[in-house]
Amino acid sequence: MPQNSVKADQRHVFMSKKEILRIIDTLLEEELKGFGNQSKMDSATREAFVAARVRPSAITVNFSGGITKICWNVTKSDGTYRVVFLPEQGYFSLCVDSDFGPLDIGVHGSALGCFSSV
């Protein structure tokens, strides 16, 4: 692994809870402001996201290859899916709920983009 990657990972690993929460809130507020109500579908997606949004909390997420990482819930589970924030990467992920906890399914990007993909 390149030395720059290690430094970047360490920076995110050692961020305080307060800093992570600030980043999540800032990203979500920017997304919600920029998410236009151009159609009934857009409006319904935005409303559903706001209703599913929760106060972020740390959660262990499973990734392929047996890797686990601490991520942050941003939506409650609907029984199948949830959106989490990956602090090391600085973006959101759609996870499927499993018997072993949330599993990253490779849908990454904006919170609303992940949320609206299912």
N, C-alpha and C. Protein backbone atom coordinates (compact mmCIF):
# COMPACT_ATOMS: atom_id res chain seq x y z
N MET A 1 0.85 -1.18 0.00
CA MET A 1 0.00 0.00 0.00
C MET A 1 0.89 1.24 0.00
N PRO A 2 0.63 2.21 -0.86
CA PRO A 2 1.44 3.42 -0.90
C PRO A 2 1.38 4.16 0.44
N GLN A 3 2.46 4.81 0.77
CA GLN A 3 2.54 5.51 2.04
C GLN A 3 1.48 6.60 2.16
N ASN A 4 1.14 7.29 1.06
CA ASN A 4 0.12 8.32 1.10
C ASN A 4 -1.23 7.76 1.53
N SER A 5 -1.56 6.55 1.07
CA SER A 5 -2.83 5.93 1.44
C SER A 5 -2.90 5.65 2.93
N VAL A 6 -1.79 5.20 3.48
CA VAL A 6 -1.76 4.91 4.92
C VAL A 6 -2.01 6.19 5.70
N LYS A 7 -1.37 7.28 5.31
CA LYS A 7 -1.57 8.54 6.00
C LYS A 7 -3.01 9.02 5.90
N ALA A 8 -3.60 8.89 4.71
CA ALA A 8 -4.99 9.31 4.53
C ALA A 8 -5.92 8.46 5.39
N ASP A 9 -5.71 7.14 5.41
CA ASP A 9 -6.53 6.26 6.24
C ASP A 9 -6.40 6.60 7.71
N GLN A 10 -5.17 6.86 8.16
CA GLN A 10 -4.95 7.18 9.56
C GLN A 10 -5.64 8.49 9.94
N ARG A 11 -5.64 9.47 9.03
CA ARG A 11 -6.30 10.74 9.31
C ARG A 11 -7.78 10.50 9.61
N HIS A 12 -8.42 9.68 8.80
CA HIS A 12 -9.85 9.42 8.98
C HIS A 12 -10.12 8.53 10.18
N VAL A 13 -9.26 7.58 10.43
CA VAL A 13 -9.45 6.67 11.54
C VAL A 13 -9.44 7.44 12.86
N PHE A 14 -8.62 8.48 12.93
CA PHE A 14 -8.47 9.21 14.18
C PHE A 14 -9.33 10.47 14.26
N MET A 15 -10.26 10.64 13.34
CA MET A 15 -11.17 11.78 13.44
C MET A 15 -12.08 11.57 14.65
N SER A 16 -12.39 12.65 15.31
CA SER A 16 -13.28 12.56 16.46
C SER A 16 -14.72 12.31 16.00
N LYS A 17 -15.51 11.80 16.91
CA LYS A 17 -16.92 11.58 16.62
C LYS A 17 -17.58 12.90 16.21
N LYS A 18 -17.24 13.97 16.91
CA LYS A 18 -17.80 15.29 16.61
C LYS A 18 -17.48 15.72 15.18
N GLU A 19 -16.23 15.47 14.74
CA GLU A 19 -15.82 15.84 13.39
C GLU A 19 -16.56 15.00 12.34
N ILE A 20 -16.69 13.71 12.59
CA ILE A 20 -17.42 12.85 11.65
C ILE A 20 -18.88 13.28 11.54
N LEU A 21 -19.51 13.57 12.67
CA LEU A 21 -20.90 14.01 12.65
C LEU A 21 -21.05 15.34 11.90
N ARG A 22 -20.08 16.24 12.06
CA ARG A 22 -20.11 17.52 11.36
C ARG A 22 -20.02 17.31 9.84
N ILE A 23 -19.12 16.41 9.43
CA ILE A 23 -18.96 16.11 8.00
C ILE A 23 -20.24 15.52 7.43
N ILE A 24 -20.83 14.56 8.14
CA ILE A 24 -22.07 13.94 7.67
C ILE A 24 -23.18 14.98 7.54
N ASP A 25 -23.37 15.79 8.59
CA ASP A 25 -24.42 16.81 8.55
C ASP A 25 -24.22 17.79 7.40
N THR A 26 -22.97 18.22 7.20
CA THR A 26 -22.68 19.16 6.12
C THR A 26 -22.99 18.55 4.76
N LEU A 27 -22.53 17.31 4.53
CA LEU A 27 -22.79 16.65 3.25
C LEU A 27 -24.28 16.45 3.02
N LEU A 28 -25.01 16.02 4.05
CA LEU A 28 -26.45 15.77 3.88
C LEU A 28 -27.21 17.07 3.64
N GLU A 29 -26.87 18.13 4.36
CA GLU A 29 -27.56 19.40 4.16
C GLU A 29 -27.32 19.94 2.75
N GLU A 30 -26.08 19.82 2.26
CA GLU A 30 -25.78 20.26 0.89
C GLU A 30 -26.57 19.44 -0.12
N GLU A 31 -26.65 18.14 0.10
CA GLU A 31 -27.41 17.28 -0.82
C GLU A 31 -28.89 17.65 -0.84
N LEU A 32 -29.46 17.81 0.35
CA LEU A 32 -30.89 18.10 0.44
C LEU A 32 -31.22 19.45 -0.18
N LYS A 33 -30.34 20.43 -0.01
CA LYS A 33 -30.56 21.74 -0.63
C LYS A 33 -30.50 21.64 -2.15
N GLY A 34 -29.60 20.81 -2.65
CA GLY A 34 -29.41 20.70 -4.09
C GLY A 34 -30.32 19.71 -4.78
N PHE A 35 -31.09 18.97 -4.02
CA PHE A 35 -31.97 17.95 -4.60
C PHE A 35 -33.28 18.60 -5.00
N GLY A 36 -33.42 18.91 -6.26
CA GLY A 36 -34.58 19.63 -6.75
C GLY A 36 -35.85 18.81 -6.71
N ASN A 37 -36.94 19.50 -6.52
CA ASN A 37 -38.25 18.85 -6.59
C ASN A 37 -38.79 18.98 -8.01
N GLN A 38 -38.06 18.39 -8.94
CA GLN A 38 -38.41 18.51 -10.35
C GLN A 38 -39.59 17.63 -10.73
N SER A 39 -39.82 16.60 -9.99
CA SER A 39 -40.91 15.68 -10.31
C SER A 39 -41.52 15.15 -9.01
N LYS A 40 -42.63 14.49 -9.16
CA LYS A 40 -43.25 13.86 -7.98
C LYS A 40 -42.34 12.79 -7.40
N MET A 41 -41.59 12.11 -8.28
CA MET A 41 -40.66 11.07 -7.83
C MET A 41 -39.53 11.68 -6.99
N ASP A 42 -38.97 12.80 -7.45
CA ASP A 42 -37.92 13.48 -6.69
C ASP A 42 -38.43 13.91 -5.33
N SER A 43 -39.61 14.47 -5.31
CA SER A 43 -40.20 14.93 -4.06
C SER A 43 -40.46 13.76 -3.11
N ALA A 44 -40.97 12.67 -3.64
CA ALA A 44 -41.24 11.49 -2.82
C ALA A 44 -39.93 10.89 -2.28
N THR A 45 -38.90 10.86 -3.11
CA THR A 45 -37.60 10.33 -2.68
C THR A 45 -37.03 11.18 -1.56
N ARG A 46 -37.07 12.48 -1.72
CA ARG A 46 -36.55 13.40 -0.70
C ARG A 46 -37.31 13.22 0.60
N GLU A 47 -38.63 13.17 0.54
CA GLU A 47 -39.46 13.00 1.74
C GLU A 47 -39.17 11.67 2.43
N ALA A 48 -39.03 10.60 1.65
CA ALA A 48 -38.74 9.29 2.23
C ALA A 48 -37.36 9.27 2.89
N PHE A 49 -36.39 9.94 2.26
CA PHE A 49 -35.05 10.00 2.84
C PHE A 49 -35.08 10.76 4.17
N VAL A 50 -35.73 11.90 4.18
CA VAL A 50 -35.82 12.70 5.41
C VAL A 50 -36.50 11.90 6.52
N ALA A 51 -37.54 11.15 6.17
CA ALA A 51 -38.24 10.33 7.17
C ALA A 51 -37.37 9.18 7.69
N ALA A 52 -36.50 8.66 6.84
CA ALA A 52 -35.64 7.53 7.24
C ALA A 52 -34.36 7.99 7.93
N ARG A 53 -34.04 9.26 7.83
CA ARG A 53 -32.79 9.78 8.40
C ARG A 53 -32.79 9.64 9.91
N VAL A 54 -31.64 9.25 10.43
CA VAL A 54 -31.46 9.09 11.87
C VAL A 54 -30.22 9.87 12.31
N ARG A 55 -30.11 10.09 13.60
CA ARG A 55 -28.88 10.67 14.13
C ARG A 55 -27.78 9.64 13.87
N PRO A 56 -26.71 10.03 13.19
CA PRO A 56 -25.66 9.06 12.86
C PRO A 56 -25.08 8.37 14.09
N SER A 57 -24.85 7.08 13.94
CA SER A 57 -24.22 6.29 15.01
C SER A 57 -23.27 5.30 14.36
N ALA A 58 -22.21 5.00 15.09
CA ALA A 58 -21.19 4.07 14.58
C ALA A 58 -21.77 2.67 14.46
N ILE A 59 -21.39 1.99 13.38
CA ILE A 59 -21.86 0.63 13.15
C ILE A 59 -20.76 -0.12 12.38
N THR A 60 -20.61 -1.39 12.67
CA THR A 60 -19.64 -2.21 11.95
C THR A 60 -20.28 -2.72 10.68
N VAL A 61 -19.63 -2.47 9.54
CA VAL A 61 -20.14 -2.90 8.23
C VAL A 61 -19.20 -3.95 7.67
N ASN A 62 -19.77 -4.97 7.08
CA ASN A 62 -19.01 -6.05 6.45
C ASN A 62 -18.79 -5.74 4.97
N PHE A 63 -17.57 -5.99 4.51
CA PHE A 63 -17.20 -5.80 3.11
C PHE A 63 -16.72 -7.14 2.56
N SER A 64 -16.70 -7.27 1.24
CA SER A 64 -16.25 -8.52 0.64
C SER A 64 -14.82 -8.81 1.09
N GLY A 65 -14.50 -10.08 1.15
CA GLY A 65 -13.17 -10.50 1.58
C GLY A 65 -13.03 -10.60 3.08
N GLY A 66 -14.13 -10.51 3.81
CA GLY A 66 -14.08 -10.64 5.26
C GLY A 66 -13.62 -9.38 5.97
N ILE A 67 -13.58 -8.26 5.28
CA ILE A 67 -13.14 -6.99 5.88
C ILE A 67 -14.31 -6.35 6.60
N THR A 68 -14.06 -5.80 7.77
CA THR A 68 -15.06 -5.01 8.49
C THR A 68 -14.50 -3.63 8.76
N LYS A 69 -15.39 -2.64 8.73
CA LYS A 69 -15.00 -1.27 9.01
C LYS A 69 -16.08 -0.60 9.84
N ILE A 70 -15.64 0.38 10.64
CA ILE A 70 -16.60 1.19 11.37
C ILE A 70 -17.11 2.28 10.43
N CYS A 71 -18.42 2.29 10.23
CA CYS A 71 -19.08 3.28 9.40
C CYS A 71 -20.14 3.96 10.26
N TRP A 72 -20.94 4.80 9.67
CA TRP A 72 -21.94 5.57 10.42
C TRP A 72 -23.30 5.49 9.75
N ASN A 73 -24.31 4.98 10.48
CA ASN A 73 -25.69 4.95 9.97
C ASN A 73 -26.15 6.36 9.67
N VAL A 74 -26.83 6.56 8.56
CA VAL A 74 -27.49 7.84 8.31
C VAL A 74 -28.99 7.66 8.05
N THR A 75 -29.39 6.42 7.73
CA THR A 75 -30.83 6.12 7.65
C THR A 75 -31.10 4.86 8.47
N LYS A 76 -32.31 4.77 8.97
CA LYS A 76 -32.70 3.54 9.65
C LYS A 76 -32.91 2.47 8.59
N SER A 77 -32.79 1.24 9.00
CA SER A 77 -33.01 0.14 8.08
C SER A 77 -34.50 0.04 7.76
N ASP A 78 -34.79 -0.28 6.52
CA ASP A 78 -36.19 -0.53 6.15
C ASP A 78 -36.50 -2.02 6.25
N GLY A 79 -35.59 -2.77 6.89
CA GLY A 79 -35.72 -4.22 7.00
C GLY A 79 -34.84 -4.93 6.00
N THR A 80 -34.40 -4.21 4.98
CA THR A 80 -33.54 -4.78 3.95
C THR A 80 -32.30 -3.93 3.70
N TYR A 81 -32.49 -2.61 3.60
CA TYR A 81 -31.40 -1.70 3.24
C TYR A 81 -31.24 -0.57 4.24
N ARG A 82 -30.04 0.01 4.24
CA ARG A 82 -29.75 1.23 4.99
C ARG A 82 -28.62 1.96 4.28
N VAL A 83 -28.51 3.26 4.53
CA VAL A 83 -27.42 4.07 3.99
C VAL A 83 -26.46 4.37 5.13
N VAL A 84 -25.16 4.19 4.86
CA VAL A 84 -24.13 4.48 5.85
C VAL A 84 -23.09 5.42 5.24
N PHE A 85 -22.36 6.10 6.10
CA PHE A 85 -21.25 6.96 5.70
C PHE A 85 -19.94 6.24 5.97
N LEU A 86 -19.06 6.23 4.98
CA LEU A 86 -17.73 5.63 5.12
C LEU A 86 -16.72 6.76 5.34
N PRO A 87 -16.30 7.00 6.57
CA PRO A 87 -15.42 8.15 6.83
C PRO A 87 -14.07 8.06 6.13
N GLU A 88 -13.52 6.87 5.96
CA GLU A 88 -12.22 6.75 5.29
C GLU A 88 -12.30 7.19 3.83
N GLN A 89 -13.44 6.96 3.19
CA GLN A 89 -13.60 7.31 1.79
C GLN A 89 -14.27 8.68 1.62
N GLY A 90 -15.06 9.09 2.57
CA GLY A 90 -15.74 10.38 2.49
C GLY A 90 -17.00 10.35 1.66
N TYR A 91 -17.58 9.17 1.47
CA TYR A 91 -18.84 9.08 0.73
C TYR A 91 -19.77 8.07 1.41
N PHE A 92 -20.95 7.91 0.81
CA PHE A 92 -22.00 7.07 1.39
C PHE A 92 -22.08 5.73 0.66
N SER A 93 -22.69 4.77 1.33
CA SER A 93 -22.83 3.42 0.77
C SER A 93 -24.20 2.87 1.11
N LEU A 94 -24.74 2.10 0.19
CA LEU A 94 -25.97 1.36 0.44
C LEU A 94 -25.57 -0.02 0.96
N CYS A 95 -26.14 -0.40 2.09
CA CYS A 95 -25.84 -1.71 2.67
C CYS A 95 -27.12 -2.53 2.75
N VAL A 96 -26.96 -3.82 2.58
CA VAL A 96 -28.07 -4.75 2.76
C VAL A 96 -27.92 -5.35 4.15
N ASP A 97 -29.04 -5.50 4.85
CA ASP A 97 -29.02 -6.13 6.17
C ASP A 97 -28.88 -7.63 6.01
N SER A 98 -28.04 -8.22 6.84
CA SER A 98 -27.83 -9.67 6.79
C SER A 98 -27.79 -10.22 8.21
N ASP A 99 -27.73 -11.54 8.32
CA ASP A 99 -27.61 -12.17 9.63
C ASP A 99 -26.33 -11.77 10.35
N PHE A 100 -25.36 -11.27 9.60
CA PHE A 100 -24.06 -10.91 10.16
C PHE A 100 -23.89 -9.40 10.30
N GLY A 101 -24.96 -8.65 10.08
CA GLY A 101 -24.91 -7.19 10.15
C GLY A 101 -24.94 -6.60 8.75
N PRO A 102 -24.84 -5.28 8.67
CA PRO A 102 -24.89 -4.61 7.36
C PRO A 102 -23.75 -5.07 6.45
N LEU A 103 -24.08 -5.28 5.18
CA LEU A 103 -23.12 -5.73 4.18
C LEU A 103 -23.07 -4.71 3.05
N ASP A 104 -21.89 -4.16 2.78
CA ASP A 104 -21.70 -3.22 1.69
C ASP A 104 -21.94 -3.96 0.37
N ILE A 105 -22.79 -3.38 -0.50
CA ILE A 105 -23.10 -4.05 -1.77
C ILE A 105 -22.52 -3.31 -2.98
N GLY A 106 -21.62 -2.36 -2.72
CA GLY A 106 -20.92 -1.71 -3.80
C GLY A 106 -21.63 -0.54 -4.44
N VAL A 107 -22.72 -0.06 -3.83
CA VAL A 107 -23.41 1.12 -4.33
C VAL A 107 -22.91 2.29 -3.49
N HIS A 108 -22.08 3.16 -4.09
CA HIS A 108 -21.43 4.25 -3.36
C HIS A 108 -21.70 5.58 -4.03
N GLY A 109 -21.59 6.65 -3.25
CA GLY A 109 -21.74 8.00 -3.79
C GLY A 109 -22.48 8.89 -2.83
N SER A 110 -23.42 9.65 -3.35
CA SER A 110 -24.21 10.56 -2.50
C SER A 110 -25.23 9.75 -1.70
N ALA A 111 -25.64 10.30 -0.57
CA ALA A 111 -26.61 9.61 0.28
C ALA A 111 -27.93 9.41 -0.44
N LEU A 112 -28.42 10.49 -1.08
CA LEU A 112 -29.69 10.38 -1.79
C LEU A 112 -29.57 9.46 -3.01
N GLY A 113 -28.43 9.47 -3.65
CA GLY A 113 -28.21 8.56 -4.77
C GLY A 113 -28.27 7.11 -4.34
N CYS A 114 -27.60 6.81 -3.24
CA CYS A 114 -27.64 5.44 -2.71
C CYS A 114 -29.05 5.06 -2.29
N PHE A 115 -29.69 5.98 -1.55
CA PHE A 115 -31.04 5.73 -1.05
C PHE A 115 -32.04 5.50 -2.17
N SER A 116 -31.91 6.28 -3.23
CA SER A 116 -32.90 6.19 -4.31
C SER A 116 -32.63 5.05 -5.29
N SER A 117 -31.54 4.31 -5.07
CA SER A 117 -31.22 3.23 -6.01
C SER A 117 -32.03 1.97 -5.76
N VAL A 118 -32.77 1.94 -4.66
CA VAL A 118 -33.64 0.78 -4.39
C VAL A 118 -35.08 1.20 -4.21
